Amino acid sequence: MRTAGQDGRTWARAVAAAAVLCGSLALAGCSSSIADMPSLDPDAVARPKEPAGYLPVNDVPRERVTPTISPEERAKIEKELTAARDRQASAASGIRDR
């Protein structure tokens, strides 16, 4: 026959085991990544030291060597685009009227 003291000790052991398990899982999350560990395989492909692709945050592009569009050229291009838009709109309205 079990006494009340034994049930309490069993419960305390279960809680302690659960706490240890949760603690070990939490600490395992803080460990280094497996991908960063060196490989023991001599045929493994070495990753580059610096990843390519994106520029660093503070890297500023160099100064522009070609001049930007002059206001006259910009006005001319805008006028041509407006005329093309109007032609397309009139052509589209002609198709809808049929």
PDB file of N, CA and C in Angstrom:
ATOM      1  N   MET A   1       0.827  -1.164   0.000  1.00  0.00           N
ATOM      2  CA  MET A   1       0.000   0.000   0.000  1.00  0.00           C
ATOM      3  C   MET A   1       0.887   1.249   0.000  1.00  0.00           C
ATOM      4  N   ARG A   2       0.510   2.237  -0.843  1.00  0.00           N
ATOM      5  CA  ARG A   2       1.293   3.466  -0.946  1.00  0.00           C
ATOM      6  C   ARG A   2       0.772   4.505   0.024  1.00  0.00           C
ATOM      7  N   THR A   3       1.677   5.297   0.459  1.00  0.00           N
ATOM      8  CA  THR A   3       1.282   6.379   1.357  1.00  0.00           C
ATOM      9  C   THR A   3       1.233   7.672   0.579  1.00  0.00           C
ATOM     10  N   ALA A   4       0.703   8.700   1.179  1.00  0.00           N
ATOM     11  CA  ALA A   4       0.588  10.004   0.516  1.00  0.00           C
ATOM     12  C   ALA A   4       1.955  10.591   0.227  1.00  0.00           C
ATOM     13  N   GLY A   5       2.937  10.283   1.038  1.00  0.00           N
ATOM     14  CA  GLY A   5       4.283  10.811   0.837  1.00  0.00           C
ATOM     15  C   GLY A   5       4.940  10.256  -0.408  1.00  0.00           C
ATOM     16  N   GLN A   6       4.682   9.005  -0.712  1.00  0.00           N
ATOM     17  CA  GLN A   6       5.284   8.404  -1.903  1.00  0.00           C
ATOM     18  C   GLN A   6       4.690   8.991  -3.178  1.00  0.00           C
ATOM     19  N   ASP A   7       3.384   9.243  -3.195  1.00  0.00           N
ATOM     20  CA  ASP A   7       2.766   9.854  -4.377  1.00  0.00           C
ATOM     21  C   ASP A   7       3.316  11.255  -4.613  1.00  0.00           C
ATOM     22  N   GLY A   8       3.561  11.977  -3.559  1.00  0.00           N
ATOM     23  CA  GLY A   8       4.126  13.331  -3.665  1.00  0.00           C
ATOM     24  C   GLY A   8       5.530  13.302  -4.218  1.00  0.00           C
ATOM     25  N   ARG A   9       6.329  12.317  -3.785  1.00  0.00           N
ATOM     26  CA  ARG A   9       7.697  12.210  -4.286  1.00  0.00           C
ATOM     27  C   ARG A   9       7.706  11.824  -5.771  1.00  0.00           C
ATOM     28  N   THR A  10       6.794  10.959  -6.173  1.00  0.00           N
ATOM     29  CA  THR A  10       6.702  10.561  -7.576  1.00  0.00           C
ATOM     30  C   THR A  10       6.332  11.768  -8.433  1.00  0.00           C
ATOM     31  N   TRP A  11       5.372  12.539  -7.937  1.00  0.00           N
ATOM     32  CA  TRP A  11       4.958  13.747  -8.657  1.00  0.00           C
ATOM     33  C   TRP A  11       6.112  14.745  -8.743  1.00  0.00           C
ATOM     34  N   ALA A  12       6.854  14.916  -7.681  1.00  0.00           N
ATOM     35  CA  ALA A  12       7.981  15.848  -7.669  1.00  0.00           C
ATOM     36  C   ALA A  12       9.068  15.390  -8.638  1.00  0.00           C
ATOM     37  N   ARG A  13       9.317  14.083  -8.693  1.00  0.00           N
ATOM     38  CA  ARG A  13      10.312  13.569  -9.641  1.00  0.00           C
ATOM     39  C   ARG A  13       9.873  13.800 -11.086  1.00  0.00           C
ATOM     40  N   ALA A  14       8.594  13.608 -11.355  1.00  0.00           N
ATOM     41  CA  ALA A  14       8.093  13.821 -12.721  1.00  0.00           C
ATOM     42  C   ALA A  14       8.217  15.293 -13.109  1.00  0.00           C
ATOM     43  N   VAL A  15       7.903  16.181 -12.191  1.00  0.00           N
ATOM     44  CA  VAL A  15       8.024  17.622 -12.466  1.00  0.00           C
ATOM     45  C   VAL A  15       9.480  17.994 -12.668  1.00  0.00           C
ATOM     46  N   ALA A  16      10.382  17.439 -11.859  1.00  0.00           N
ATOM     47  CA  ALA A  16      11.810  17.729 -11.993  1.00  0.00           C
ATOM     48  C   ALA A  16      12.340  17.207 -13.330  1.00  0.00           C
ATOM     49  N   ALA A  17      11.901  16.011 -13.719  1.00  0.00           N
ATOM     50  CA  ALA A  17      12.346  15.456 -15.006  1.00  0.00           C
ATOM     51  C   ALA A  17      11.842  16.306 -16.163  1.00  0.00           C
ATOM     52  N   ALA A  18      10.599  16.781 -16.075  1.00  0.00           N
ATOM     53  CA  ALA A  18      10.063  17.646 -17.128  1.00  0.00           C
ATOM     54  C   ALA A  18      10.818  18.970 -17.186  1.00  0.00           C
ATOM     55  N   ALA A  19      11.180  19.513 -16.042  1.00  0.00           N
ATOM     56  CA  ALA A  19      11.935  20.771 -16.006  1.00  0.00           C
ATOM     57  C   ALA A  19      13.314  20.591 -16.617  1.00  0.00           C
ATOM     58  N   VAL A  20      13.960  19.490 -16.302  1.00  0.00           N
ATOM     59  CA  VAL A  20      15.287  19.219 -16.875  1.00  0.00           C
ATOM     60  C   VAL A  20      15.185  19.050 -18.389  1.00  0.00           C
ATOM     61  N   LEU A  21      14.156  18.344 -18.843  1.00  0.00           N
ATOM     62  CA  LEU A  21      13.972  18.146 -20.283  1.00  0.00           C
ATOM     63  C   LEU A  21      13.731  19.477 -20.992  1.00  0.00           C
ATOM     64  N   CYS A  22      12.857  20.305 -20.443  1.00  0.00           N
ATOM     65  CA  CYS A  22      12.580  21.614 -21.056  1.00  0.00           C
ATOM     66  C   CYS A  22      13.814  22.501 -21.040  1.00  0.00           C
ATOM     67  N   GLY A  23      14.573  22.462 -19.978  1.00  0.00           N
ATOM     68  CA  GLY A  23      15.801  23.258 -19.896  1.00  0.00           C
ATOM     69  C   GLY A  23      16.832  22.820 -20.909  1.00  0.00           C
ATOM     70  N   SER A  24      16.976  21.504 -21.070  1.00  0.00           N
ATOM     71  CA  SER A  24      17.961  21.023 -22.039  1.00  0.00           C
ATOM     72  C   SER A  24      17.546  21.357 -23.466  1.00  0.00           C
ATOM     73  N   LEU A  25      16.252  21.315 -23.751  1.00  0.00           N
ATOM     74  CA  LEU A  25      15.789  21.702 -25.091  1.00  0.00           C
ATOM     75  C   LEU A  25      16.012  23.186 -25.339  1.00  0.00           C
ATOM     76  N   ALA A  26      15.792  23.999 -24.315  1.00  0.00           N
ATOM     77  CA  ALA A  26      16.014  25.444 -24.468  1.00  0.00           C
ATOM     78  C   ALA A  26      17.488  25.742 -24.703  1.00  0.00           C
ATOM     79  N   LEU A  27      18.362  25.071 -23.970  1.00  0.00           N
ATOM     80  CA  LEU A  27      19.796  25.298 -24.168  1.00  0.00           C
ATOM     81  C   LEU A  27      20.280  24.742 -25.496  1.00  0.00           C
ATOM     82  N   ALA A  28      19.660  23.693 -25.995  1.00  0.00           N
ATOM     83  CA  ALA A  28      20.045  23.136 -27.288  1.00  0.00           C
ATOM     84  C   ALA A  28      19.741  24.122 -28.411  1.00  0.00           C
ATOM     85  N   GLY A  29      18.734  24.938 -28.238  1.00  0.00           N
ATOM     86  CA  GLY A  29      18.414  25.946 -29.244  1.00  0.00           C
ATOM     87  C   GLY A  29      19.458  27.036 -29.325  1.00  0.00           C
ATOM     88  N   CYS A  30      20.237  27.221 -28.268  1.00  0.00           N
ATOM     89  CA  CYS A  30      21.267  28.254 -28.245  1.00  0.00           C
ATOM     90  C   CYS A  30      22.594  27.772 -28.814  1.00  0.00           C
ATOM     91  N   SER A  31      22.707  26.506 -29.119  1.00  0.00           N
ATOM     92  CA  SER A  31      23.972  25.978 -29.611  1.00  0.00           C
ATOM     93  C   SER A  31      24.210  26.423 -31.048  1.00  0.00           C
ATOM     94  N   SER A  32      25.422  26.234 -31.516  1.00  0.00           N
ATOM     95  CA  SER A  32      25.760  26.658 -32.873  1.00  0.00           C
ATOM     96  C   SER A  32      25.039  25.795 -33.893  1.00  0.00           C
ATOM     97  N   SER A  33      24.864  26.355 -35.063  1.00  0.00           N
ATOM     98  CA  SER A  33      24.164  25.647 -36.120  1.00  0.00           C
ATOM     99  C   SER A  33      25.032  24.534 -36.682  1.00  0.00           C
ATOM    100  N   ILE A  34      24.414  23.454 -37.074  1.00  0.00           N
ATOM    101  CA  ILE A  34      25.150  22.325 -37.642  1.00  0.00           C
ATOM    102  C   ILE A  34      25.758  22.717 -38.982  1.00  0.00           C
ATOM    103  N   ALA A  35      25.113  23.617 -39.725  1.00  0.00           N
ATOM    104  CA  ALA A  35      25.625  24.012 -41.031  1.00  0.00           C
ATOM    105  C   ALA A  35      26.940  24.774 -40.913  1.00  0.00           C
ATOM    106  N   ASP A  36      27.194  25.419 -39.751  1.00  0.00           N
ATOM    107  CA  ASP A  36      28.426  26.181 -39.576  1.00  0.00           C
ATOM    108  C   ASP A  36      29.593  25.320 -39.115  1.00  0.00           C
ATOM    109  N   MET A  37      29.325  24.085 -38.754  1.00  0.00           N
ATOM    110  CA  MET A  37      30.386  23.218 -38.259  1.00  0.00           C
ATOM    111  C   MET A  37      31.207  22.686 -39.439  1.00  0.00           C
ATOM    112  N   PRO A  38      32.507  22.519 -39.236  1.00  0.00           N
ATOM    113  CA  PRO A  38      33.328  21.987 -40.332  1.00  0.00           C
ATOM    114  C   PRO A  38      32.972  20.534 -40.616  1.00  0.00           C
ATOM    115  N   SER A  39      33.100  20.182 -41.876  1.00  0.00           N
ATOM    116  CA  SER A  39      32.754  18.837 -42.292  1.00  0.00           C
ATOM    117  C   SER A  39      33.949  17.905 -42.101  1.00  0.00           C
ATOM    118  N   LEU A  40      33.660  16.672 -41.759  1.00  0.00           N
ATOM    119  CA  LEU A  40      34.717  15.674 -41.634  1.00  0.00           C
ATOM    120  C   LEU A  40      34.992  14.984 -42.958  1.00  0.00           C
ATOM    121  N   ASP A  41      34.117  15.202 -43.934  1.00  0.00           N
ATOM    122  CA  ASP A  41      34.261  14.580 -45.241  1.00  0.00           C
ATOM    123  C   ASP A  41      35.280  15.369 -46.062  1.00  0.00           C
ATOM    124  N   PRO A  42      36.361  14.731 -46.548  1.00  0.00           N
ATOM    125  CA  PRO A  42      37.366  15.480 -47.325  1.00  0.00           C
ATOM    126  C   PRO A  42      36.847  15.926 -48.691  1.00  0.00           C
ATOM    127  N   ASP A  43      35.790  15.281 -49.209  1.00  0.00           N
ATOM    128  CA  ASP A  43      35.263  15.637 -50.518  1.00  0.00           C
ATOM    129  C   ASP A  43      34.164  16.687 -50.439  1.00  0.00           C
ATOM    130  N   ALA A  44      33.905  17.212 -49.271  1.00  0.00           N
ATOM    131  CA  ALA A  44      32.830  18.188 -49.107  1.00  0.00           C
ATOM    132  C   ALA A  44      33.206  19.492 -49.807  1.00  0.00           C
ATOM    133  N   VAL A  45      32.202  20.143 -50.376  1.00  0.00           N
ATOM    134  CA  VAL A  45      32.414  21.405 -51.074  1.00  0.00           C
ATOM    135  C   VAL A  45      32.520  22.517 -50.039  1.00  0.00           C
ATOM    136  N   ALA A  46      33.570  23.300 -50.139  1.00  0.00           N
ATOM    137  CA  ALA A  46      33.771  24.399 -49.200  1.00  0.00           C
ATOM    138  C   ALA A  46      32.894  25.582 -49.606  1.00  0.00           C
ATOM    139  N   ARG A  47      32.230  26.173 -48.631  1.00  0.00           N
ATOM    140  CA  ARG A  47      31.415  27.357 -48.909  1.00  0.00           C
ATOM    141  C   ARG A  47      32.319  28.582 -48.949  1.00  0.00           C
ATOM    142  N   PRO A  48      31.969  29.588 -49.757  1.00  0.00           N
ATOM    143  CA  PRO A  48      32.793  30.800 -49.789  1.00  0.00           C
ATOM    144  C   PRO A  48      32.711  31.529 -48.453  1.00  0.00           C
ATOM    145  N   LYS A  49      33.780  32.238 -48.124  1.00  0.00           N
ATOM    146  CA  LYS A  49      33.823  32.978 -46.862  1.00  0.00           C
ATOM    147  C   LYS A  49      32.829  34.131 -46.864  1.00  0.00           C
ATOM    148  N   GLU A  50      32.712  34.831 -48.003  1.00  0.00           N
ATOM    149  CA  GLU A  50      31.789  35.960 -48.104  1.00  0.00           C
ATOM    150  C   GLU A  50      30.640  35.587 -49.034  1.00  0.00           C
ATOM    151  N   PRO A  51      29.423  35.693 -48.577  1.00  0.00           N
ATOM    152  CA  PRO A  51      28.294  35.395 -49.459  1.00  0.00           C
ATOM    153  C   PRO A  51      28.148  36.480 -50.525  1.00  0.00           C
ATOM    154  N   ALA A  52      27.830  36.070 -51.719  1.00  0.00           N
ATOM    155  CA  ALA A  52      27.653  37.015 -52.817  1.00  0.00           C
ATOM    156  C   ALA A  52      26.187  37.383 -52.940  1.00  0.00           C
ATOM    157  N   GLY A  53      25.896  38.410 -53.687  1.00  0.00           N
ATOM    158  CA  GLY A  53      24.505  38.754 -53.956  1.00  0.00           C
ATOM    159  C   GLY A  53      24.175  40.170 -53.562  1.00  0.00           C
ATOM    160  N   TYR A  54      23.976  40.398 -52.286  1.00  0.00           N
ATOM    161  CA  TYR A  54      23.539  41.708 -51.824  1.00  0.00           C
ATOM    162  C   TYR A  54      24.732  42.557 -51.397  1.00  0.00           C
ATOM    163  N   LEU A  55      24.616  43.850 -51.616  1.00  0.00           N
ATOM    164  CA  LEU A  55      25.654  44.770 -51.188  1.00  0.00           C
ATOM    165  C   LEU A  55      25.542  45.005 -49.689  1.00  0.00           C
ATOM    166  N   PRO A  56      26.635  45.373 -49.049  1.00  0.00           N
ATOM    167  CA  PRO A  56      26.561  45.724 -47.630  1.00  0.00           C
ATOM    168  C   PRO A  56      25.666  46.944 -47.429  1.00  0.00           C
ATOM    169  N   VAL A  57      25.165  47.105 -46.223  1.00  0.00           N
ATOM    170  CA  VAL A  57      24.202  48.173 -45.936  1.00  0.00           C
ATOM    171  C   VAL A  57      24.801  49.557 -46.187  1.00  0.00           C
ATOM    172  N   ASN A  58      26.034  49.768 -45.790  1.00  0.00           N
ATOM    173  CA  ASN A  58      26.637  51.095 -45.906  1.00  0.00           C
ATOM    174  C   ASN A  58      27.343  51.320 -47.230  1.00  0.00           C
ATOM    175  N   ASP A  59      27.250  50.395 -48.162  1.00  0.00           N
ATOM    176  CA  ASP A  59      27.910  50.536 -49.451  1.00  0.00           C
ATOM    177  C   ASP A  59      27.080  51.469 -50.336  1.00  0.00           C
ATOM    178  N   VAL A  60      27.657  52.603 -50.691  1.00  0.00           N
ATOM    179  CA  VAL A  60      26.967  53.615 -51.489  1.00  0.00           C
ATOM    180  C   VAL A  60      27.413  53.469 -52.935  1.00  0.00           C
ATOM    181  N   PRO A  61      26.486  53.546 -53.900  1.00  0.00           N
ATOM    182  CA  PRO A  61      26.916  53.469 -55.302  1.00  0.00           C
ATOM    183  C   PRO A  61      27.778  54.668 -55.671  1.00  0.00           C
ATOM    184  N   ARG A  62      28.645  54.462 -56.637  1.00  0.00           N
ATOM    185  CA  ARG A  62      29.533  55.568 -57.035  1.00  0.00           C
ATOM    186  C   ARG A  62      28.751  56.625 -57.806  1.00  0.00           C
ATOM    187  N   GLU A  63      29.364  57.757 -57.957  1.00  0.00           N
ATOM    188  CA  GLU A  63      28.721  58.889 -58.626  1.00  0.00           C
ATOM    189  C   GLU A  63      28.412  58.551 -60.080  1.00  0.00           C
ATOM    190  N   ARG A  64      27.313  59.112 -60.580  1.00  0.00           N
ATOM    191  CA  ARG A  64      26.891  58.882 -61.959  1.00  0.00           C
ATOM    192  C   ARG A  64      27.834  59.632 -62.907  1.00  0.00           C
ATOM    193  N   VAL A  65      28.300  58.922 -63.940  1.00  0.00           N
ATOM    194  CA  VAL A  65      29.198  59.551 -64.903  1.00  0.00           C
ATOM    195  C   VAL A  65      28.425  60.117 -66.088  1.00  0.00           C
ATOM    196  N   THR A  66      27.258  59.553 -66.387  1.00  0.00           N
ATOM    197  CA  THR A  66      26.456  60.097 -67.482  1.00  0.00           C
ATOM    198  C   THR A  66      25.462  61.099 -66.907  1.00  0.00           C
ATOM    199  N   PRO A  67      25.216  62.183 -67.613  1.00  0.00           N
ATOM    200  CA  PRO A  67      24.281  63.178 -67.089  1.00  0.00           C
ATOM    201  C   PRO A  67      22.845  62.659 -67.126  1.00  0.00           C
ATOM    202  N   THR A  68      22.014  63.184 -66.241  1.00  0.00           N
ATOM    203  CA  THR A  68      20.604  62.810 -66.255  1.00  0.00           C
ATOM    204  C   THR A  68      19.908  63.490 -67.419  1.00  0.00           C
ATOM    205  N   ILE A  69      18.668  63.143 -67.659  1.00  0.00           N
ATOM    206  CA  ILE A  69      17.912  63.705 -68.776  1.00  0.00           C
ATOM    207  C   ILE A  69      17.635  65.181 -68.503  1.00  0.00           C
ATOM    208  N   SER A  70      17.840  65.984 -69.527  1.00  0.00           N
ATOM    209  CA  SER A  70      17.574  67.415 -69.380  1.00  0.00           C
ATOM    210  C   SER A  70      16.058  67.644 -69.337  1.00  0.00           C
ATOM    211  N   PRO A  71      15.616  68.759 -68.786  1.00  0.00           N
ATOM    212  CA  PRO A  71      14.172  69.039 -68.721  1.00  0.00           C
ATOM    213  C   PRO A  71      13.509  69.079 -70.102  1.00  0.00           C
ATOM    214  N   GLU A  72      14.239  69.531 -71.127  1.00  0.00           N
ATOM    215  CA  GLU A  72      13.673  69.574 -72.471  1.00  0.00           C
ATOM    216  C   GLU A  72      13.432  68.157 -73.007  1.00  0.00           C
ATOM    217  N   GLU A  73      14.415  67.271 -72.794  1.00  0.00           N
ATOM    218  CA  GLU A  73      14.255  65.886 -73.239  1.00  0.00           C
ATOM    219  C   GLU A  73      13.122  65.202 -72.478  1.00  0.00           C
ATOM    220  N   ARG A  74      13.018  65.488 -71.199  1.00  0.00           N
ATOM    221  CA  ARG A  74      11.957  64.884 -70.391  1.00  0.00           C
ATOM    222  C   ARG A  74      10.582  65.338 -70.876  1.00  0.00           C
ATOM    223  N   ALA A  75      10.447  66.626 -71.175  1.00  0.00           N
ATOM    224  CA  ALA A  75       9.163  67.145 -71.667  1.00  0.00           C
ATOM    225  C   ALA A  75       8.813  66.504 -73.008  1.00  0.00           C
ATOM    226  N   LYS A  76       9.814  66.323 -73.875  1.00  0.00           N
ATOM    227  CA  LYS A  76       9.581  65.711 -75.177  1.00  0.00           C
ATOM    228  C   LYS A  76       9.103  64.263 -75.022  1.00  0.00           C
ATOM    229  N   ILE A  77       9.741  63.514 -74.139  1.00  0.00           N
ATOM    230  CA  ILE A  77       9.358  62.108 -73.909  1.00  0.00           C
ATOM    231  C   ILE A  77       7.957  62.034 -73.315  1.00  0.00           C
ATOM    232  N   GLU A  78       7.644  62.900 -72.354  1.00  0.00           N
ATOM    233  CA  GLU A  78       6.307  62.910 -71.753  1.00  0.00           C
ATOM    234  C   GLU A  78       5.235  63.232 -72.790  1.00  0.00           C
ATOM    235  N   LYS A  79       5.553  64.161 -73.703  1.00  0.00           N
ATOM    236  CA  LYS A  79       4.613  64.529 -74.757  1.00  0.00           C
ATOM    237  C   LYS A  79       4.366  63.339 -75.693  1.00  0.00           C
ATOM    238  N   GLU A  80       5.433  62.605 -76.050  1.00  0.00           N
ATOM    239  CA  GLU A  80       5.289  61.430 -76.899  1.00  0.00           C
ATOM    240  C   GLU A  80       4.479  60.332 -76.204  1.00  0.00           C
ATOM    241  N   LEU A  81       4.714  60.130 -74.916  1.00  0.00           N
ATOM    242  CA  LEU A  81       3.968  59.115 -74.184  1.00  0.00           C
ATOM    243  C   LEU A  81       2.492  59.485 -74.055  1.00  0.00           C
ATOM    244  N   THR A  82       2.219  60.757 -73.831  1.00  0.00           N
ATOM    245  CA  THR A  82       0.831  61.205 -73.740  1.00  0.00           C
ATOM    246  C   THR A  82       0.115  61.011 -75.071  1.00  0.00           C
ATOM    247  N   ALA A  83       0.803  61.319 -76.176  1.00  0.00           N
ATOM    248  CA  ALA A  83       0.202  61.137 -77.499  1.00  0.00           C
ATOM    249  C   ALA A  83      -0.064  59.656 -77.773  1.00  0.00           C
ATOM    250  N   ALA A  84       0.863  58.783 -77.379  1.00  0.00           N
ATOM    251  CA  ALA A  84       0.667  57.347 -77.578  1.00  0.00           C
ATOM    252  C   ALA A  84      -0.501  56.842 -76.734  1.00  0.00           C
ATOM    253  N   ARG A  85      -0.625  57.330 -75.504  1.00  0.00           N
ATOM    254  CA  ARG A  85      -1.741  56.931 -74.647  1.00  0.00           C
ATOM    255  C   ARG A  85      -3.068  57.365 -75.248  1.00  0.00           C
ATOM    256  N   ASP A  86      -3.108  58.592 -75.781  1.00  0.00           N
ATOM    257  CA  ASP A  86      -4.349  59.092 -76.384  1.00  0.00           C
ATOM    258  C   ASP A  86      -4.711  58.283 -77.631  1.00  0.00           C
ATOM    259  N   ARG A  87      -3.714  57.907 -78.438  1.00  0.00           N
ATOM    260  CA  ARG A  87      -3.979  57.086 -79.624  1.00  0.00           C
ATOM    261  C   ARG A  87      -4.538  55.731 -79.219  1.00  0.00           C
ATOM    262  N   GLN A  88      -3.982  55.133 -78.214  1.00  0.00           N
ATOM    263  CA  GLN A  88      -4.461  53.821 -77.755  1.00  0.00           C
ATOM    264  C   GLN A  88      -5.858  53.916 -77.166  1.00  0.00           C
ATOM    265  N   ALA A  89      -6.131  55.010 -76.455  1.00  0.00           N
ATOM    266  CA  ALA A  89      -7.467  55.184 -75.874  1.00  0.00           C
ATOM    267  C   ALA A  89      -8.513  55.369 -76.966  1.00  0.00           C
ATOM    268  N   SER A  90      -8.182  56.150 -78.017  1.00  0.00           N
ATOM    269  CA  SER A  90      -9.144  56.339 -79.100  1.00  0.00           C
ATOM    270  C   SER A  90      -9.347  55.057 -79.903  1.00  0.00           C
ATOM    271  N   ALA A  91      -8.270  54.273 -80.073  1.00  0.00           N
ATOM    272  CA  ALA A  91      -8.398  52.998 -80.776  1.00  0.00           C
ATOM    273  C   ALA A  91      -9.244  52.029 -79.967  1.00  0.00           C
ATOM    274  N   ALA A  92      -9.082  52.029 -78.650  1.00  0.00           N
ATOM    275  CA  ALA A  92      -9.850  51.124 -77.795  1.00  0.00           C
ATOM    276  C   ALA A  92     -11.313  51.532 -77.775  1.00  0.00           C
ATOM    277  N   SER A  93     -11.623  52.830 -77.788  1.00  0.00           N
ATOM    278  CA  SER A  93     -13.019  53.263 -77.789  1.00  0.00           C
ATOM    279  C   SER A  93     -13.668  52.943 -79.125  1.00  0.00           C
ATOM    280  N   GLY A  94     -12.906  52.949 -80.223  1.00  0.00           N
ATOM    281  CA  GLY A  94     -13.438  52.581 -81.528  1.00  0.00           C
ATOM    282  C   GLY A  94     -13.813  51.112 -81.582  1.00  0.00           C
ATOM    283  N   ILE A  95     -13.069  50.273 -80.897  1.00  0.00           N
ATOM    284  CA  ILE A  95     -13.364  48.838 -80.867  1.00  0.00           C
ATOM    285  C   ILE A  95     -14.617  48.581 -80.024  1.00  0.00           C
ATOM    286  N   ARG A  96     -14.779  49.306 -78.930  1.00  0.00           N
ATOM    287  CA  ARG A  96     -15.942  49.101 -78.053  1.00  0.00           C
ATOM    288  C   ARG A  96     -17.236  49.548 -78.723  1.00  0.00           C
ATOM    289  N   ASP A  97     -17.170  50.551 -79.607  1.00  0.00           N
ATOM    290  CA  ASP A  97     -18.375  51.079 -80.251  1.00  0.00           C
ATOM    291  C   ASP A  97     -18.962  50.097 -81.263  1.00  0.00           C
ATOM    292  N   ARG A  98     -18.176  49.193 -81.748  1.00  0.00           N
ATOM    293  CA  ARG A  98     -18.673  48.265 -82.777  1.00  0.00           C
ATOM    294  C   ARG A  98     -19.652  47.333 -82.266  1.00  0.00           C
TER     295      ARG A  98
END
